[in-house]
N, C-alpha and C. Protein backbone atom coordinates (compact mmCIF):
# COMPACT_ATOMS: atom_id res chain seq x y z
N MET A 1 -16.24 1.36 43.07
CA MET A 1 -16.28 2.68 43.67
C MET A 1 -16.25 3.73 42.56
N THR A 2 -17.16 4.62 42.58
CA THR A 2 -17.24 5.68 41.60
C THR A 2 -16.50 6.94 42.10
N THR A 3 -15.68 7.49 41.27
CA THR A 3 -14.97 8.73 41.58
C THR A 3 -15.96 9.87 41.55
N GLN A 4 -15.92 10.68 42.56
CA GLN A 4 -16.77 11.85 42.61
C GLN A 4 -16.12 13.02 41.93
N ILE A 5 -16.85 13.67 41.02
CA ILE A 5 -16.33 14.85 40.35
C ILE A 5 -17.39 15.92 40.41
N ASP A 6 -16.92 17.17 40.34
CA ASP A 6 -17.87 18.29 40.44
C ASP A 6 -18.45 18.64 39.07
N ASN A 7 -19.37 19.59 39.06
CA ASN A 7 -20.07 19.96 37.80
C ASN A 7 -19.12 20.49 36.76
N ASP A 8 -18.10 21.24 37.15
CA ASP A 8 -17.14 21.77 36.13
C ASP A 8 -16.39 20.60 35.50
N GLN A 9 -16.02 19.60 36.28
CA GLN A 9 -15.32 18.44 35.73
C GLN A 9 -16.25 17.61 34.85
N ILE A 10 -17.52 17.53 35.20
CA ILE A 10 -18.47 16.81 34.37
C ILE A 10 -18.59 17.50 33.02
N THR A 11 -18.67 18.85 33.04
CA THR A 11 -18.72 19.64 31.80
C THR A 11 -17.48 19.39 30.96
N GLU A 12 -16.29 19.39 31.59
CA GLU A 12 -15.05 19.15 30.87
C GLU A 12 -15.04 17.75 30.23
N LEU A 13 -15.52 16.76 30.99
CA LEU A 13 -15.60 15.38 30.47
C LEU A 13 -16.55 15.30 29.27
N ALA A 14 -17.69 15.96 29.38
CA ALA A 14 -18.69 15.99 28.28
C ALA A 14 -18.07 16.63 27.05
N GLU A 15 -17.33 17.71 27.22
CA GLU A 15 -16.64 18.36 26.09
C GLU A 15 -15.60 17.44 25.43
N MET A 16 -14.89 16.69 26.27
CA MET A 16 -13.92 15.73 25.70
C MET A 16 -14.60 14.67 24.87
N PHE A 17 -15.73 14.11 25.36
CA PHE A 17 -16.44 13.13 24.60
C PHE A 17 -17.06 13.72 23.34
N ASN A 18 -17.49 14.94 23.43
CA ASN A 18 -17.99 15.67 22.26
C ASN A 18 -16.90 15.81 21.21
N LEU A 19 -15.71 16.16 21.61
CA LEU A 19 -14.58 16.28 20.67
C LEU A 19 -14.28 14.95 19.99
N LEU A 20 -14.33 13.87 20.79
CA LEU A 20 -14.03 12.54 20.26
C LEU A 20 -15.19 12.01 19.39
N GLY A 21 -16.34 12.61 19.51
CA GLY A 21 -17.52 12.20 18.70
C GLY A 21 -17.44 12.60 17.24
N GLU A 22 -16.48 13.40 16.90
CA GLU A 22 -16.30 13.83 15.50
C GLU A 22 -15.32 12.89 14.82
N THR A 23 -15.73 12.32 13.70
CA THR A 23 -15.00 11.27 13.03
C THR A 23 -13.53 11.66 12.72
N SER A 24 -13.29 12.79 12.19
CA SER A 24 -11.92 13.20 11.85
C SER A 24 -11.02 13.29 13.05
N ARG A 25 -11.55 13.86 14.12
CA ARG A 25 -10.72 13.95 15.35
C ARG A 25 -10.48 12.56 15.94
N LEU A 26 -11.46 11.70 15.91
CA LEU A 26 -11.28 10.34 16.37
C LEU A 26 -10.22 9.62 15.53
N LYS A 27 -10.25 9.80 14.23
CA LYS A 27 -9.21 9.19 13.36
C LYS A 27 -7.82 9.71 13.74
N ILE A 28 -7.73 10.99 14.04
CA ILE A 28 -6.45 11.57 14.39
C ILE A 28 -5.92 11.00 15.71
N ILE A 29 -6.73 10.93 16.67
CA ILE A 29 -6.26 10.43 18.00
C ILE A 29 -5.97 8.92 17.92
N LEU A 30 -6.75 8.17 17.17
CA LEU A 30 -6.45 6.74 17.01
C LEU A 30 -5.15 6.53 16.21
N ALA A 31 -4.83 7.42 15.26
CA ALA A 31 -3.59 7.29 14.52
C ALA A 31 -2.40 7.45 15.44
N CYS A 32 -2.59 8.13 16.52
CA CYS A 32 -1.46 8.43 17.46
C CYS A 32 -1.53 7.54 18.72
N LEU A 33 -2.40 6.59 18.73
CA LEU A 33 -2.62 5.76 19.91
C LEU A 33 -1.38 4.96 20.33
N ASP A 34 -0.73 4.34 19.34
CA ASP A 34 0.39 3.46 19.69
C ASP A 34 1.75 4.14 19.65
N GLU A 35 1.87 5.19 18.85
CA GLU A 35 3.14 5.93 18.75
C GLU A 35 2.88 7.33 18.22
N GLU A 36 3.79 8.24 18.55
CA GLU A 36 3.60 9.60 18.07
C GLU A 36 3.72 9.63 16.56
N GLN A 37 3.05 10.66 15.96
CA GLN A 37 3.02 10.80 14.50
C GLN A 37 3.32 12.25 14.16
N SER A 38 3.93 12.43 13.01
CA SER A 38 4.12 13.77 12.48
C SER A 38 2.81 14.29 11.95
N VAL A 39 2.71 15.58 11.80
CA VAL A 39 1.46 16.18 11.28
C VAL A 39 1.19 15.65 9.88
N SER A 40 2.24 15.54 9.06
CA SER A 40 2.00 15.03 7.71
C SER A 40 1.48 13.61 7.68
N SER A 41 2.00 12.76 8.60
CA SER A 41 1.53 11.39 8.72
C SER A 41 0.08 11.38 9.22
N ILE A 42 -0.24 12.20 10.16
CA ILE A 42 -1.59 12.28 10.71
C ILE A 42 -2.58 12.69 9.64
N LYS A 43 -2.25 13.72 8.86
CA LYS A 43 -3.16 14.19 7.82
C LYS A 43 -3.40 13.09 6.75
N GLU A 44 -2.35 12.36 6.43
CA GLU A 44 -2.50 11.25 5.45
C GLU A 44 -3.41 10.14 6.02
N LYS A 45 -3.12 9.73 7.24
CA LYS A 45 -3.89 8.65 7.87
C LYS A 45 -5.35 9.01 8.06
N ALA A 46 -5.61 10.29 8.36
CA ALA A 46 -6.96 10.72 8.59
C ALA A 46 -7.67 11.22 7.31
N GLY A 47 -6.90 11.34 6.24
CA GLY A 47 -7.45 11.80 4.97
C GLY A 47 -7.90 13.24 5.02
N LEU A 48 -7.09 14.10 5.67
CA LEU A 48 -7.45 15.50 5.83
C LEU A 48 -6.44 16.45 5.18
N SER A 49 -6.88 17.64 4.89
CA SER A 49 -5.94 18.67 4.42
C SER A 49 -5.05 19.08 5.60
N GLN A 50 -3.96 19.74 5.28
CA GLN A 50 -3.05 20.22 6.32
C GLN A 50 -3.77 21.18 7.27
N SER A 51 -4.54 22.12 6.74
CA SER A 51 -5.19 23.12 7.56
C SER A 51 -6.27 22.47 8.45
N LEU A 52 -7.05 21.50 7.96
CA LEU A 52 -8.04 20.85 8.75
C LEU A 52 -7.43 20.00 9.82
N ALA A 53 -6.37 19.27 9.49
CA ALA A 53 -5.65 18.45 10.51
C ALA A 53 -5.11 19.34 11.60
N SER A 54 -4.52 20.48 11.26
CA SER A 54 -3.97 21.41 12.23
C SER A 54 -5.07 21.96 13.12
N HIS A 55 -6.22 22.28 12.56
CA HIS A 55 -7.35 22.79 13.31
C HIS A 55 -7.79 21.75 14.35
N HIS A 56 -8.00 20.50 13.92
CA HIS A 56 -8.40 19.48 14.82
C HIS A 56 -7.36 19.17 15.91
N LEU A 57 -6.09 19.18 15.51
CA LEU A 57 -5.01 18.95 16.48
C LEU A 57 -5.00 20.03 17.55
N ARG A 58 -5.25 21.28 17.16
CA ARG A 58 -5.27 22.39 18.15
C ARG A 58 -6.38 22.13 19.17
N LEU A 59 -7.57 21.70 18.70
CA LEU A 59 -8.69 21.44 19.60
C LEU A 59 -8.36 20.29 20.53
N LEU A 60 -7.80 19.22 20.00
CA LEU A 60 -7.47 18.04 20.81
C LEU A 60 -6.40 18.38 21.85
N LYS A 61 -5.42 19.21 21.46
CA LYS A 61 -4.41 19.60 22.38
C LYS A 61 -4.95 20.51 23.48
N ALA A 62 -5.82 21.47 23.10
CA ALA A 62 -6.44 22.36 24.11
C ALA A 62 -7.27 21.57 25.11
N ALA A 63 -7.87 20.47 24.66
CA ALA A 63 -8.65 19.67 25.57
C ALA A 63 -7.83 18.67 26.40
N ARG A 64 -6.52 18.73 26.20
CA ARG A 64 -5.56 17.85 26.93
C ARG A 64 -5.72 16.37 26.54
N LEU A 65 -6.20 16.15 25.30
CA LEU A 65 -6.30 14.78 24.78
C LEU A 65 -5.06 14.39 24.02
N MET A 66 -4.35 15.36 23.49
CA MET A 66 -3.13 15.16 22.73
C MET A 66 -2.05 16.11 23.25
N LYS A 67 -0.83 15.70 23.01
CA LYS A 67 0.33 16.56 23.32
C LYS A 67 1.23 16.61 22.10
N SER A 68 2.09 17.62 22.04
CA SER A 68 2.96 17.78 20.88
C SER A 68 4.42 17.92 21.33
N ARG A 69 5.28 17.61 20.37
CA ARG A 69 6.70 17.78 20.58
C ARG A 69 7.27 18.26 19.26
N LYS A 70 8.12 19.29 19.38
CA LYS A 70 8.72 19.85 18.17
C LYS A 70 10.17 19.33 17.99
N GLU A 71 10.47 18.96 16.77
CA GLU A 71 11.83 18.53 16.43
C GLU A 71 12.20 19.23 15.14
N GLY A 72 13.05 20.27 15.29
CA GLY A 72 13.36 21.11 14.16
C GLY A 72 12.11 21.81 13.68
N LYS A 73 11.75 21.65 12.41
CA LYS A 73 10.56 22.31 11.89
C LYS A 73 9.33 21.38 11.99
N GLN A 74 9.55 20.14 12.34
CA GLN A 74 8.50 19.15 12.34
C GLN A 74 7.86 19.05 13.75
N VAL A 75 6.55 18.87 13.75
CA VAL A 75 5.83 18.71 15.02
C VAL A 75 5.24 17.29 15.05
N PHE A 76 5.43 16.66 16.22
CA PHE A 76 4.94 15.27 16.44
C PHE A 76 3.85 15.30 17.51
N TYR A 77 2.80 14.53 17.30
CA TYR A 77 1.70 14.47 18.27
C TYR A 77 1.57 13.08 18.79
N SER A 78 1.09 12.98 20.06
CA SER A 78 0.83 11.71 20.65
C SER A 78 -0.36 11.88 21.65
N VAL A 79 -0.91 10.78 22.06
CA VAL A 79 -2.00 10.83 23.01
C VAL A 79 -1.42 11.43 24.32
N ALA A 80 -2.21 12.22 24.98
CA ALA A 80 -1.70 13.04 26.10
C ALA A 80 -1.12 12.22 27.26
N ASP A 81 -1.84 11.15 27.57
CA ASP A 81 -1.32 10.33 28.72
C ASP A 81 -1.94 8.93 28.66
N GLU A 82 -1.54 8.11 29.60
CA GLU A 82 -1.96 6.72 29.61
C GLU A 82 -3.46 6.56 29.93
N HIS A 83 -4.05 7.51 30.65
CA HIS A 83 -5.52 7.48 30.93
C HIS A 83 -6.29 7.54 29.60
N ILE A 84 -5.91 8.49 28.76
CA ILE A 84 -6.60 8.66 27.47
C ILE A 84 -6.37 7.44 26.60
N ALA A 85 -5.14 6.94 26.58
CA ALA A 85 -4.82 5.80 25.75
C ALA A 85 -5.60 4.55 26.21
N CYS A 86 -5.71 4.33 27.54
CA CYS A 86 -6.43 3.16 28.01
C CYS A 86 -7.91 3.23 27.67
N VAL A 87 -8.53 4.39 27.84
CA VAL A 87 -9.95 4.52 27.50
C VAL A 87 -10.18 4.22 26.05
N LEU A 88 -9.38 4.81 25.16
CA LEU A 88 -9.55 4.58 23.72
C LEU A 88 -9.24 3.15 23.32
N LYS A 89 -8.20 2.58 23.86
CA LYS A 89 -7.89 1.18 23.54
C LYS A 89 -9.00 0.26 23.99
N ASP A 90 -9.58 0.50 25.20
CA ASP A 90 -10.67 -0.31 25.66
C ASP A 90 -11.90 -0.16 24.75
N MET A 91 -12.14 1.03 24.27
CA MET A 91 -13.29 1.25 23.39
C MET A 91 -13.08 0.60 22.01
N VAL A 92 -11.85 0.67 21.50
CA VAL A 92 -11.50 -0.01 20.26
C VAL A 92 -11.69 -1.52 20.42
N ASP A 93 -11.22 -2.07 21.53
CA ASP A 93 -11.39 -3.48 21.79
C ASP A 93 -12.85 -3.84 21.89
N HIS A 94 -13.66 -2.98 22.50
CA HIS A 94 -15.10 -3.22 22.66
C HIS A 94 -15.78 -3.32 21.30
N VAL A 95 -15.55 -2.34 20.43
CA VAL A 95 -16.23 -2.36 19.15
C VAL A 95 -15.70 -3.49 18.23
N ALA A 96 -14.48 -3.93 18.46
CA ALA A 96 -13.89 -4.99 17.64
C ALA A 96 -14.21 -6.38 18.09
N GLU A 97 -14.69 -6.53 19.31
CA GLU A 97 -14.92 -7.86 19.83
C GLU A 97 -16.08 -8.57 19.15
N GLU A 98 -15.89 -9.86 18.95
CA GLU A 98 -16.93 -10.69 18.34
C GLU A 98 -17.97 -11.04 19.38
N GLY A 99 -19.11 -11.48 18.92
CA GLY A 99 -20.09 -12.01 19.85
C GLY A 99 -21.37 -11.18 19.87
N ASP A 100 -22.11 -11.37 20.93
CA ASP A 100 -23.45 -10.76 21.09
C ASP A 100 -23.32 -9.23 21.34
N HIS A 101 -23.92 -8.50 20.44
CA HIS A 101 -23.93 -6.99 20.56
C HIS A 101 -25.30 -6.54 21.00
N GLY A 102 -26.20 -7.43 21.33
CA GLY A 102 -27.55 -7.08 21.70
C GLY A 102 -27.72 -7.15 23.16
């Protein structure tokens, strides 16, 4: 059974996939897939400068793909919810699986 969504929701979904289509943003969200990460940890794992990591995190958070939590002066990011995590984990499993890719 296919879920019915309206044109605005289709546009929102396309924008989410577009955001995830950029390598740095995908690295960021994958770094946070299993557990929340500090901004400094995210920038190291993604190989980004502080300002570029912050820029990408703002975009991902605005698209509701990531959420943040502040602890003192440090900010921690995680995947927004289990829906996002499941989609990404399934896609990671898909590209990692052995066998016929044709």
